[in-house]
Structure formats: structure tokens, C-alpha cells
Protein backbone atom coordinates (compact mmCIF):
# COMPACT_ATOMS: atom_id res chain seq x y z
CA MET A 1 -0.11 -0.15 0.12
CA GLU A 2 0.99 3.91 -0.49
CA VAL A 3 0.85 6.11 1.94
CA TYR A 4 -1.32 9.32 1.37
CA GLN A 5 -0.14 12.55 0.96
CA ASN A 6 -2.19 13.93 2.83
CA LEU A 7 -1.46 17.22 2.53
CA GLY A 8 -4.55 18.97 4.47
CA GLY A 9 -3.22 17.59 7.70
CA ASN A 10 -6.52 16.13 8.92
CA SER A 11 -7.61 12.75 6.91
CA GLY A 12 -8.65 9.80 8.09
CA VAL A 13 -7.04 7.99 5.27
CA TYR A 14 -4.12 6.40 6.08
CA ALA A 15 -2.71 4.76 3.10
CA PHE A 16 -4.18 3.18 -0.11
CA LEU A 17 -3.97 0.40 -2.93
CA PHE A 18 -5.66 0.37 -6.29
CA ASP A 19 -5.38 -1.66 -10.03
CA ASP A 20 -7.55 -1.68 -12.52
CA ASN A 21 -11.72 -1.56 -11.16
CA SER A 22 -10.67 -1.12 -7.17
CA ILE A 23 -9.15 1.09 -4.62
CA THR A 24 -8.59 0.18 -1.23
CA VAL A 25 -8.51 2.81 1.41
CA GLU A 26 -6.74 2.28 5.02
CA PHE A 27 -8.10 4.53 7.77
CA SER A 28 -5.69 5.92 10.29
CA LYS A 29 -7.89 4.34 13.02
CA GLY A 30 -8.58 1.12 11.78
CA GLY A 31 -10.43 -0.28 9.14
CA MET A 32 -9.35 -0.98 5.38
CA TYR A 33 -11.89 -0.74 3.19
CA LEU A 34 -12.63 -2.41 -0.32
CA TYR A 35 -14.70 -0.01 -2.54
CA ASN A 36 -14.43 -1.49 -6.68
CA TYR A 37 -16.28 -1.10 -9.84
CA SER A 38 -19.69 -2.70 -8.54
CA GLN A 39 -19.97 -0.63 -5.76
CA PRO A 40 -19.78 1.78 -5.68
CA GLY A 41 -19.48 2.33 -9.44
CA SER A 42 -16.51 3.43 -11.67
CA ASP A 43 -16.96 6.68 -11.46
CA HIS A 44 -17.12 6.81 -7.89
CA VAL A 45 -13.72 4.33 -7.89
CA GLU A 46 -12.07 6.30 -10.73
CA GLN A 47 -11.80 10.69 -8.74
CA MET A 48 -10.91 8.48 -6.00
CA LYS A 49 -8.27 7.55 -7.15
CA SER A 50 -7.33 10.80 -8.45
CA LEU A 51 -7.86 12.20 -4.76
CA ALA A 52 -5.81 9.61 -3.58
CA LEU A 53 -3.05 10.86 -5.75
CA SER A 54 -3.21 14.02 -5.07
CA GLY A 55 -3.17 14.12 -1.32
CA SER A 56 -6.16 15.88 -0.40
CA GLY A 57 -9.87 15.31 -0.43
CA LEU A 58 -10.25 11.19 -0.01
CA ASN A 59 -11.30 10.94 2.97
CA SER A 60 -13.83 13.44 2.82
CA TYR A 61 -14.82 12.49 -0.70
CA ILE A 62 -15.46 9.25 0.78
CA GLY A 63 -17.54 10.74 3.43
CA ARG A 64 -20.08 12.88 2.04
CA HIS A 65 -20.22 10.39 -1.40
CA VAL A 66 -20.08 7.17 -0.75
CA ARG A 67 -19.95 6.11 2.70
CA ASP A 68 -20.71 2.65 3.24
CA ASN A 69 -21.37 1.69 0.01
CA TYR A 70 -18.54 -0.54 0.07
CA ALA A 71 -18.33 -3.35 -1.87
CA ALA A 72 -15.86 -5.40 0.83
CA LYS A 73 -14.96 -4.58 4.61
CA LEU A 74 -11.54 -6.63 4.83
CA LYS A 75 -9.98 -5.90 8.64
């Protein structure tokens, strides 16, 4: 996994990993979730990938647009 840059300094995201059709997000307070093209959908996943690479806005995006709409809780 790649450590999230957290440019804003207050993100709940610790790290992420993605492939062609999914992103896995690990949160700093615990929990790791898989989001994919099936759930919550390709538009959300691609936006999350972009935010992950930019190091800003991923936690907020998940909270506003995705919430509990994940494909799997991994831990």
C-alpha cells in the first residue's frame, strides 16, 4: 500500500492501493475497505483514485459521496 500524503494534515486516510477497477483504502483509526466498479461504481472509484494520488480530499469525498457503499470490509 502507498501511504496517503495527507496534504491537508487532518485526513482519516492512512494508505491506499488500487488496480484497474478498484481502490482499497486503509483508515488511520482502523479499518480497510475495498471499493470497486460494482460498488460504489466506476465514477466514484476513478474519482477516489485521483484524490488518492493528489494527496488531498479523499476522506472528505468518501464521507460525502460513498459512506458505507463499499464492496468489502477487509479488516
